[in-house]
PDB file of N, CA and C in Angstrom:
ATOM      1  N   UNK A   1      19.006  -5.958   2.924  1.00  0.00           N
ATOM      2  CA  UNK A   1      18.495  -4.974   3.690  1.00  0.00           C
ATOM      3  C   UNK A   1      18.594  -5.689   5.273  1.00  0.00           C
ATOM      4  N   UNK A   2      18.775  -5.242   6.141  1.00  0.00           N
ATOM      5  CA  UNK A   2      18.579  -5.559   7.274  1.00  0.00           C
ATOM      6  C   UNK A   2      17.496  -5.474   7.996  1.00  0.00           C
ATOM      7  N   UNK A   3      16.704  -6.737   8.787  1.00  0.00           N
ATOM      8  CA  UNK A   3      15.253  -6.395   9.098  1.00  0.00           C
ATOM      9  C   UNK A   3      15.502  -6.582  10.427  1.00  0.00           C
ATOM     10  N   UNK A   4      14.594  -6.252  11.209  1.00  0.00           N
ATOM     11  CA  UNK A   4      14.386  -6.889  12.915  1.00  0.00           C
ATOM     12  C   UNK A   4      13.201  -7.303  13.197  1.00  0.00           C
ATOM     13  N   UNK A   5      13.166  -7.973  14.163  1.00  0.00           N
ATOM     14  CA  UNK A   5      11.815  -8.682  14.470  1.00  0.00           C
ATOM     15  C   UNK A   5      11.141  -7.989  15.434  1.00  0.00           C
ATOM     16  N   UNK A   6       9.733  -7.744  15.466  1.00  0.00           N
ATOM     17  CA  UNK A   6       9.031  -6.887  16.388  1.00  0.00           C
ATOM     18  C   UNK A   6       8.094  -7.844  16.632  1.00  0.00           C
ATOM     19  N   UNK A   7       7.696  -7.427  18.295  1.00  0.00           N
ATOM     20  CA  UNK A   7       6.329  -8.260  18.757  1.00  0.00           C
ATOM     21  C   UNK A   7       5.385  -7.157  19.105  1.00  0.00           C
ATOM     22  N   UNK A   8       4.308  -7.555  18.700  1.00  0.00           N
ATOM     23  CA  UNK A   8       3.057  -6.318  18.522  1.00  0.00           C
ATOM     24  C   UNK A   8       2.190  -7.214  19.232  1.00  0.00           C
ATOM     25  N   UNK A   9       1.529  -6.497  20.446  1.00  0.00           N
ATOM     26  CA  UNK A   9       0.515  -7.022  21.286  1.00  0.00           C
ATOM     27  C   UNK A   9      -1.043  -6.622  20.701  1.00  0.00           C
ATOM     28  N   UNK A  10      -1.977  -7.232  20.088  1.00  0.00           N
ATOM     29  CA  UNK A  10      -3.210  -6.726  19.539  1.00  0.00           C
ATOM     30  C   UNK A  10      -4.207  -7.741  20.470  1.00  0.00           C
ATOM     31  N   UNK A  11      -5.435  -6.911  20.382  1.00  0.00           N
ATOM     32  CA  UNK A  11      -6.399  -7.890  21.201  1.00  0.00           C
ATOM     33  C   UNK A  11      -7.052  -8.883  19.905  1.00  0.00           C
ATOM     34  N   UNK A  12      -7.594 -10.138  20.653  1.00  0.00           N
ATOM     35  CA  UNK A  12      -8.099 -11.254  19.602  1.00  0.00           C
ATOM     36  C   UNK A  12      -9.454 -10.371  18.831  1.00  0.00           C
ATOM     37  N   UNK A  13     -10.192  -9.117  19.702  1.00  0.00           N
ATOM     38  CA  UNK A  13     -11.388  -8.578  19.250  1.00  0.00           C
ATOM     39  C   UNK A  13     -10.762  -7.876  17.771  1.00  0.00           C
ATOM     40  N   UNK A  14      -9.559  -7.407  17.586  1.00  0.00           N
ATOM     41  CA  UNK A  14      -9.098  -6.679  16.636  1.00  0.00           C
ATOM     42  C   UNK A  14      -8.943  -7.584  15.309  1.00  0.00           C
ATOM     43  N   UNK A  15      -8.672  -8.890  15.914  1.00  0.00           N
ATOM     44  CA  UNK A  15      -8.599  -9.933  14.736  1.00  0.00           C
ATOM     45  C   UNK A  15      -9.731 -10.255  14.239  1.00  0.00           C
ATOM     46  N   UNK A  16     -10.580 -10.467  14.761  1.00  0.00           N
ATOM     47  CA  UNK A  16     -12.132 -10.689  14.365  1.00  0.00           C
ATOM     48  C   UNK A  16     -12.580  -9.564  13.989  1.00  0.00           C
ATOM     49  N   UNK A  17     -12.305  -8.486  13.982  1.00  0.00           N
ATOM     50  CA  UNK A  17     -12.744  -7.204  13.260  1.00  0.00           C
ATOM     51  C   UNK A  17     -12.030  -7.370  11.598  1.00  0.00           C
ATOM     52  N   UNK A  18     -10.725  -7.614  11.519  1.00  0.00           N
ATOM     53  CA  UNK A  18     -10.392  -7.599  10.510  1.00  0.00           C
ATOM     54  C   UNK A  18     -10.626  -9.120   9.849  1.00  0.00           C
ATOM     55  N   UNK A  19     -11.133  -9.854  10.487  1.00  0.00           N
ATOM     56  CA  UNK A  19     -11.460 -11.326   9.995  1.00  0.00           C
ATOM     57  C   UNK A  19      -9.989 -11.681   9.405  1.00  0.00           C
ATOM     58  N   UNK A  20      -9.052 -11.829  10.172  1.00  0.00           N
ATOM     59  CA  UNK A  20      -7.785 -12.282  10.197  1.00  0.00           C
ATOM     60  C   UNK A  20      -7.747 -13.565  11.260  1.00  0.00           C
ATOM     61  N   UNK A  21      -6.654 -14.486  10.735  1.00  0.00           N
ATOM     62  CA  UNK A  21      -6.640 -15.789  11.706  1.00  0.00           C
ATOM     63  C   UNK A  21      -5.251 -15.181  12.541  1.00  0.00           C
ATOM     64  N   UNK A  22      -4.960 -15.730  13.719  1.00  0.00           N
ATOM     65  CA  UNK A  22      -3.778 -15.540  14.521  1.00  0.00           C
ATOM     66  C   UNK A  22      -2.653 -15.625  13.533  1.00  0.00           C
ATOM     67  N   UNK A  23      -2.598 -16.815  12.859  1.00  0.00           N
ATOM     68  CA  UNK A  23      -1.209 -17.564  12.253  1.00  0.00           C
ATOM     69  C   UNK A  23      -1.268 -16.139  11.016  1.00  0.00           C
ATOM     70  N   UNK A  24      -2.379 -15.370  10.401  1.00  0.00           N
ATOM     71  CA  UNK A  24      -2.089 -14.686   9.400  1.00  0.00           C
ATOM     72  C   UNK A  24      -1.830 -13.083   9.861  1.00  0.00           C
ATOM     73  N   UNK A  25      -1.959 -12.922  11.058  1.00  0.00           N
ATOM     74  CA  UNK A  25      -2.015 -11.638  11.521  1.00  0.00           C
ATOM     75  C   UNK A  25      -0.654 -10.859  10.966  1.00  0.00           C
ATOM     76  N   UNK A  26       0.398 -11.365  11.238  1.00  0.00           N
ATOM     77  CA  UNK A  26       1.600 -10.652  10.806  1.00  0.00           C
ATOM     78  C   UNK A  26       1.874 -10.412   9.666  1.00  0.00           C
ATOM     79  N   UNK A  27       1.517 -11.030   8.773  1.00  0.00           N
ATOM     80  CA  UNK A  27       1.268 -10.870   6.997  1.00  0.00           C
ATOM     81  C   UNK A  27       0.341  -9.479   6.957  1.00  0.00           C
ATOM     82  N   UNK A  28      -0.895  -9.861   7.640  1.00  0.00           N
ATOM     83  CA  UNK A  28      -1.997  -8.548   7.273  1.00  0.00           C
ATOM     84  C   UNK A  28      -1.507  -7.043   7.638  1.00  0.00           C
ATOM     85  N   UNK A  29      -0.756  -7.105   9.014  1.00  0.00           N
ATOM     86  CA  UNK A  29      -0.496  -6.213   9.425  1.00  0.00           C
ATOM     87  C   UNK A  29       0.999  -5.666   8.360  1.00  0.00           C
ATOM     88  N   UNK A  30       1.664  -6.087   8.081  1.00  0.00           N
ATOM     89  CA  UNK A  30       2.474  -5.659   7.169  1.00  0.00           C
ATOM     90  C   UNK A  30       1.962  -5.012   5.843  1.00  0.00           C
ATOM     91  N   UNK A  31       1.153  -5.735   5.208  1.00  0.00           N
ATOM     92  CA  UNK A  31       0.258  -5.426   4.163  1.00  0.00           C
ATOM     93  C   UNK A  31      -0.267  -4.065   4.484  1.00  0.00           C
ATOM     94  N   UNK A  32      -0.854  -3.981   5.632  1.00  0.00           N
ATOM     95  CA  UNK A  32      -1.822  -2.442   5.903  1.00  0.00           C
ATOM     96  C   UNK A  32      -0.484  -1.408   6.393  1.00  0.00           C
ATOM     97  N   UNK A  33       0.989  -2.040   6.908  1.00  0.00           N
ATOM     98  CA  UNK A  33       1.804  -0.896   7.070  1.00  0.00           C
ATOM     99  C   UNK A  33       2.328  -0.556   5.739  1.00  0.00           C
ATOM    100  N   UNK A  34       2.525  -1.115   4.627  1.00  0.00           N
ATOM    101  CA  UNK A  34       2.873  -1.055   3.508  1.00  0.00           C
ATOM    102  C   UNK A  34       1.820   0.207   2.871  1.00  0.00           C
ATOM    103  N   UNK A  35       0.241  -0.073   2.900  1.00  0.00           N
ATOM    104  CA  UNK A  35      -0.872   0.618   2.466  1.00  0.00           C
ATOM    105  C   UNK A  35      -0.409   2.068   3.172  1.00  0.00           C
ATOM    106  N   UNK A  36      -0.367   1.965   4.598  1.00  0.00           N
ATOM    107  CA  UNK A  36      -0.668   3.210   5.028  1.00  0.00           C
ATOM    108  C   UNK A  36       0.702   4.133   4.846  1.00  0.00           C
ATOM    109  N   UNK A  37       1.755   3.815   4.455  1.00  0.00           N
ATOM    110  CA  UNK A  37       2.943   4.361   4.619  1.00  0.00           C
ATOM    111  C   UNK A  37       2.728   4.976   3.097  1.00  0.00           C
ATOM    112  N   UNK A  38       2.418   4.015   2.117  1.00  0.00           N
ATOM    113  CA  UNK A  38       2.192   4.647   0.824  1.00  0.00           C
ATOM    114  C   UNK A  38       0.932   5.598   0.311  1.00  0.00           C
ATOM    115  N   UNK A  39      -0.301   5.431   1.270  1.00  0.00           N
ATOM    116  CA  UNK A  39      -0.875   6.479   1.451  1.00  0.00           C
ATOM    117  C   UNK A  39      -0.502   8.046   1.907  1.00  0.00           C
ATOM    118  N   UNK A  40       0.342   8.157   2.481  1.00  0.00           N
ATOM    119  CA  UNK A  40       0.895   9.117   3.508  1.00  0.00           C
ATOM    120  C   UNK A  40       2.068   9.670   2.830  1.00  0.00           C
ATOM    121  N   UNK A  41       2.582   9.033   1.399  1.00  0.00           N
ATOM    122  CA  UNK A  41       3.237   9.703   0.506  1.00  0.00           C
ATOM    123  C   UNK A  41       4.880   9.490   1.063  1.00  0.00           C
ATOM    124  N   UNK A  42       5.008   8.397   2.181  1.00  0.00           N
ATOM    125  CA  UNK A  42       6.059   8.509   2.839  1.00  0.00           C
ATOM    126  C   UNK A  42       6.983   7.684   2.191  1.00  0.00           C
ATOM    127  N   UNK A  43       6.471   6.443   1.274  1.00  0.00           N
ATOM    128  CA  UNK A  43       7.317   5.534   0.706  1.00  0.00           C
ATOM    129  C   UNK A  43       6.549   5.256  -0.948  1.00  0.00           C
ATOM    130  N   UNK A  44       7.826   4.950  -1.916  1.00  0.00           N
ATOM    131  CA  UNK A  44       7.090   4.718  -2.995  1.00  0.00           C
ATOM    132  C   UNK A  44       5.968   3.360  -3.092  1.00  0.00           C
ATOM    133  N   UNK A  45       5.810   3.017  -4.183  1.00  0.00           N
ATOM    134  CA  UNK A  45       4.670   1.925  -4.103  1.00  0.00           C
ATOM    135  C   UNK A  45       5.141   0.766  -4.375  1.00  0.00           C
ATOM    136  N   UNK A  46       6.716   0.602  -4.763  1.00  0.00           N
ATOM    137  CA  UNK A  46       7.726  -0.487  -5.040  1.00  0.00           C
ATOM    138  C   UNK A  46       8.091  -0.932  -3.613  1.00  0.00           C
ATOM    139  N   UNK A  47       8.314   0.319  -2.753  1.00  0.00           N
ATOM    140  CA  UNK A  47       8.974   0.040  -1.052  1.00  0.00           C
ATOM    141  C   UNK A  47       7.691  -0.635  -0.699  1.00  0.00           C
ATOM    142  N   UNK A  48       6.154   0.036  -0.936  1.00  0.00           N
ATOM    143  CA  UNK A  48       5.023  -0.628   0.208  1.00  0.00           C
ATOM    144  C   UNK A  48       4.908  -1.903  -0.154  1.00  0.00           C
ATOM    145  N   UNK A  49       5.083  -2.479  -1.433  1.00  0.00           N
ATOM    146  CA  UNK A  49       5.037  -3.819  -2.027  1.00  0.00           C
ATOM    147  C   UNK A  49       6.034  -4.398  -1.265  1.00  0.00           C
ATOM    148  N   UNK A  50       7.168  -3.989  -0.878  1.00  0.00           N
ATOM    149  CA  UNK A  50       8.418  -4.877  -0.441  1.00  0.00           C
ATOM    150  C   UNK A  50       7.993  -5.082   1.167  1.00  0.00           C
ATOM    151  N   UNK A  51       7.612  -4.174   1.769  1.00  0.00           N
ATOM    152  CA  UNK A  51       6.969  -4.054   3.253  1.00  0.00           C
ATOM    153  C   UNK A  51       6.024  -4.872   3.331  1.00  0.00           C
ATOM    154  N   UNK A  52       4.887  -4.950   2.333  1.00  0.00           N
ATOM    155  CA  UNK A  52       3.794  -5.861   2.245  1.00  0.00           C
ATOM    156  C   UNK A  52       4.257  -6.907   2.050  1.00  0.00           C
ATOM    157  N   UNK A  53       5.536  -7.797   1.639  1.00  0.00           N
ATOM    158  CA  UNK A  53       5.881  -8.780   1.465  1.00  0.00           C
ATOM    159  C   UNK A  53       5.132  -9.575   0.139  1.00  0.00           C
ATOM    160  N   UNK A  54       5.213  -8.385  -1.009  1.00  0.00           N
ATOM    161  CA  UNK A  54       4.397  -8.816  -1.890  1.00  0.00           C
ATOM    162  C   UNK A  54       5.349  -8.221  -3.348  1.00  0.00           C
ATOM    163  N   UNK A  55       5.259  -9.050  -4.343  1.00  0.00           N
ATOM    164  CA  UNK A  55       5.506  -8.257  -5.505  1.00  0.00           C
ATOM    165  C   UNK A  55       4.290  -7.360  -5.941  1.00  0.00           C
ATOM    166  N   UNK A  56       5.346  -6.327  -6.909  1.00  0.00           N
ATOM    167  CA  UNK A  56       4.123  -4.878  -7.264  1.00  0.00           C
ATOM    168  C   UNK A  56       3.028  -5.503  -7.713  1.00  0.00           C
ATOM    169  N   UNK A  57       3.111  -6.189  -8.677  1.00  0.00           N
ATOM    170  CA  UNK A  57       1.560  -6.186  -9.340  1.00  0.00           C
ATOM    171  C   UNK A  57       0.675  -7.090  -8.342  1.00  0.00           C
ATOM    172  N   UNK A  58       0.956  -7.700  -7.360  1.00  0.00           N
ATOM    173  CA  UNK A  58       0.199  -8.112  -6.306  1.00  0.00           C
ATOM    174  C   UNK A  58      -0.389  -7.364  -5.502  1.00  0.00           C
ATOM    175  N   UNK A  59       0.618  -6.511  -5.004  1.00  0.00           N
ATOM    176  CA  UNK A  59       0.446  -5.165  -4.245  1.00  0.00           C
ATOM    177  C   UNK A  59      -0.540  -4.581  -4.491  1.00  0.00           C
ATOM    178  N   UNK A  60      -0.543  -4.032  -6.435  1.00  0.00           N
ATOM    179  CA  UNK A  60      -1.323  -3.015  -6.783  1.00  0.00           C
ATOM    180  C   UNK A  60      -2.677  -3.574  -6.901  1.00  0.00           C
ATOM    181  N   UNK A  61      -2.943  -5.005  -7.080  1.00  0.00           N
ATOM    182  CA  UNK A  61      -4.432  -5.881  -6.925  1.00  0.00           C
ATOM    183  C   UNK A  61      -5.033  -5.365  -5.447  1.00  0.00           C
ATOM    184  N   UNK A  62      -3.742  -5.678  -4.397  1.00  0.00           N
ATOM    185  CA  UNK A  62      -4.082  -5.773  -3.134  1.00  0.00           C
ATOM    186  C   UNK A  62      -4.661  -4.079  -2.749  1.00  0.00           C
ATOM    187  N   UNK A  63      -4.164  -3.004  -3.164  1.00  0.00           N
ATOM    188  CA  UNK A  63      -4.755  -1.921  -2.948  1.00  0.00           C
ATOM    189  C   UNK A  63      -6.264  -1.614  -3.845  1.00  0.00           C
ATOM    190  N   UNK A  64      -6.291  -2.050  -5.107  1.00  0.00           N
ATOM    191  CA  UNK A  64      -7.343  -1.750  -5.736  1.00  0.00           C
ATOM    192  C   UNK A  64      -8.478  -2.782  -5.392  1.00  0.00           C
ATOM    193  N   UNK A  65      -8.090  -3.842  -4.597  1.00  0.00           N
ATOM    194  CA  UNK A  65      -9.350  -4.540  -3.871  1.00  0.00           C
ATOM    195  C   UNK A  65      -9.662  -3.902  -2.782  1.00  0.00           C
ATOM    196  N   UNK A  66      -8.884  -2.902  -2.201  1.00  0.00           N
ATOM    197  CA  UNK A  66      -9.366  -2.170  -0.916  1.00  0.00           C
ATOM    198  C   UNK A  66      -9.618  -0.607  -0.870  1.00  0.00           C
ATOM    199  N   UNK A  67      -9.807  -0.245  -2.387  1.00  0.00           N
ATOM    200  CA  UNK A  67     -10.330   0.980  -2.655  1.00  0.00           C
ATOM    201  C   UNK A  67      -8.977   1.657  -2.539  1.00  0.00           C
ATOM    202  N   UNK A  68      -7.640   1.550  -2.603  1.00  0.00           N
ATOM    203  CA  UNK A  68      -6.905   2.506  -2.664  1.00  0.00           C
ATOM    204  C   UNK A  68      -6.479   2.913  -3.931  1.00  0.00           C
ATOM    205  N   UNK A  69      -5.889   4.126  -4.344  1.00  0.00           N
ATOM    206  CA  UNK A  69      -5.869   4.796  -5.741  1.00  0.00           C
ATOM    207  C   UNK A  69      -4.267   4.222  -5.892  1.00  0.00           C
ATOM    208  N   UNK A  70      -3.796   3.781  -7.136  1.00  0.00           N
ATOM    209  CA  UNK A  70      -2.638   3.362  -7.318  1.00  0.00           C
ATOM    210  C   UNK A  70      -1.806   4.468  -7.471  1.00  0.00           C
ATOM    211  N   UNK A  71      -2.466   5.561  -8.271  1.00  0.00           N
ATOM    212  CA  UNK A  71      -1.598   6.991  -8.602  1.00  0.00           C
ATOM    213  C   UNK A  71      -2.289   7.927  -7.953  1.00  0.00           C
ATOM    214  N   UNK A  72      -1.203   8.806  -7.266  1.00  0.00           N
ATOM    215  CA  UNK A  72      -1.511   9.773  -6.826  1.00  0.00           C
ATOM    216  C   UNK A  72      -1.646  11.058  -7.277  1.00  0.00           C
ATOM    217  N   UNK A  73      -1.571  11.076  -8.837  1.00  0.00           N
ATOM    218  CA  UNK A  73      -1.758  12.243  -9.695  1.00  0.00           C
ATOM    219  C   UNK A  73      -3.277  12.974  -9.510  1.00  0.00           C
ATOM    220  N   UNK A  74      -2.815  13.998  -9.255  1.00  0.00           N
ATOM    221  CA  UNK A  74      -4.543  15.037  -9.124  1.00  0.00           C
ATOM    222  C   UNK A  74      -4.993  15.018 -10.306  1.00  0.00           C
ATOM    223  N   UNK A  75      -6.429  15.270 -10.813  1.00  0.00           N
ATOM    224  CA  UNK A  75      -7.006  15.458 -11.786  1.00  0.00           C
ATOM    225  C   UNK A  75      -6.112  17.038 -12.510  1.00  0.00           C
ATOM    226  N   UNK A  76      -5.811  17.934 -11.742  1.00  0.00           N
ATOM    227  CA  UNK A  76      -5.151  19.227 -12.563  1.00  0.00           C
ATOM    228  C   UNK A  76      -3.874  18.653 -12.904  1.00  0.00           C
ATOM    229  N   UNK A  77      -2.977  17.951 -12.277  1.00  0.00           N
ATOM    230  CA  UNK A  77      -1.648  17.745 -12.726  1.00  0.00           C
ATOM    231  C   UNK A  77      -2.172  16.690 -14.133  1.00  0.00           C
ATOM    232  N   UNK A  78      -2.977  15.732 -14.211  1.00  0.00           N
ATOM    233  CA  UNK A  78      -3.090  15.151 -15.361  1.00  0.00           C
ATOM    234  C   UNK A  78      -3.580  15.872 -16.635  1.00  0.00           C
ATOM    235  N   UNK A  79      -4.417  16.960 -15.975  1.00  0.00           N
ATOM    236  CA  UNK A  79      -4.753  17.971 -17.275  1.00  0.00           C
ATOM    237  C   UNK A  79      -3.624  18.625 -17.698  1.00  0.00           C
ATOM    238  N   UNK A  80      -3.140  19.041 -16.692  1.00  0.00           N
ATOM    239  CA  UNK A  80      -1.506  19.601 -17.411  1.00  0.00           C
ATOM    240  C   UNK A  80      -0.738  19.029 -18.036  1.00  0.00           C
ATOM    241  N   UNK A  81      -0.515  17.680 -17.689  1.00  0.00           N
ATOM    242  CA  UNK A  81       0.433  16.915 -18.450  1.00  0.00           C
ATOM    243  C   UNK A  81      -0.089  16.488 -19.872  1.00  0.00           C
ATOM    244  N   UNK A  82      -1.237  16.435 -19.652  1.00  0.00           N
ATOM    245  CA  UNK A  82      -1.715  15.877 -21.245  1.00  0.00           C
ATOM    246  C   UNK A  82      -2.027  17.346 -22.323  1.00  0.00           C
ATOM    247  N   UNK A  83      -1.957  18.347 -21.885  1.00  0.00           N
ATOM    248  CA  UNK A  83      -2.016  19.252 -22.374  1.00  0.00           C
ATOM    249  C   UNK A  83      -0.398  19.853 -22.847  1.00  0.00           C
ATOM    250  N   UNK A  84       0.673  19.435 -22.034  1.00  0.00           N
ATOM    251  CA  UNK A  84       2.005  19.609 -22.441  1.00  0.00           C
ATOM    252  C   UNK A  84       2.310  18.517 -23.413  1.00  0.00           C
ATOM    253  N   UNK A  85       1.841  17.429 -23.303  1.00  0.00           N
ATOM    254  CA  UNK A  85       1.783  16.153 -24.353  1.00  0.00           C
ATOM    255  C   UNK A  85       1.300  16.559 -25.763  1.00  0.00           C
ATOM    256  N   UNK A  86      -0.074  17.230 -25.474  1.00  0.00           N
ATOM    257  CA  UNK A  86      -0.505  17.633 -27.079  1.00  0.00           C
ATOM    258  C   UNK A  86       0.250  18.802 -27.635  1.00  0.00           C
ATOM    259  N   UNK A  87       0.762  19.791 -26.952  1.00  0.00           N
ATOM    260  CA  UNK A  87       1.547  20.971 -27.602  1.00  0.00           C
ATOM    261  C   UNK A  87       3.006  20.485 -28.000  1.00  0.00           C
ATOM    262  N   UNK A  88       3.504  19.341 -27.402  1.00  0.00           N
ATOM    263  CA  UNK A  88       4.988  18.973 -27.477  1.00  0.00           C
ATOM    264  C   UNK A  88       4.855  18.180 -29.215  1.00  0.00           C
ATOM    265  N   UNK A  89       5.755  18.677 -30.147  1.00  0.00           N
ATOM    266  CA  UNK A  89       6.014  18.007 -31.241  1.00  0.00           C
ATOM    267  C   UNK A  89       7.367  17.850 -31.578  1.00  0.00           C
TER     268      UNK A  89
END
């Protein structure tokens, strides 16, 4: 996959709000981009982990640590799937 380099200007106040150092800001922004795109259902969790620069397991832990659901299945869909599996023989 081809990559590009982006220069992003943010205020130092924002860094202190996120409690991230200047040196780690780029990595944290990549993680946040992965989370945001995953939450908007734009990309898979595997792709989001890749964007975040993490393996899938670590990214799932990162999501959980930040209160983000790993699955976007609704309770109604889960119930429907369980009922389907229970009737399947």
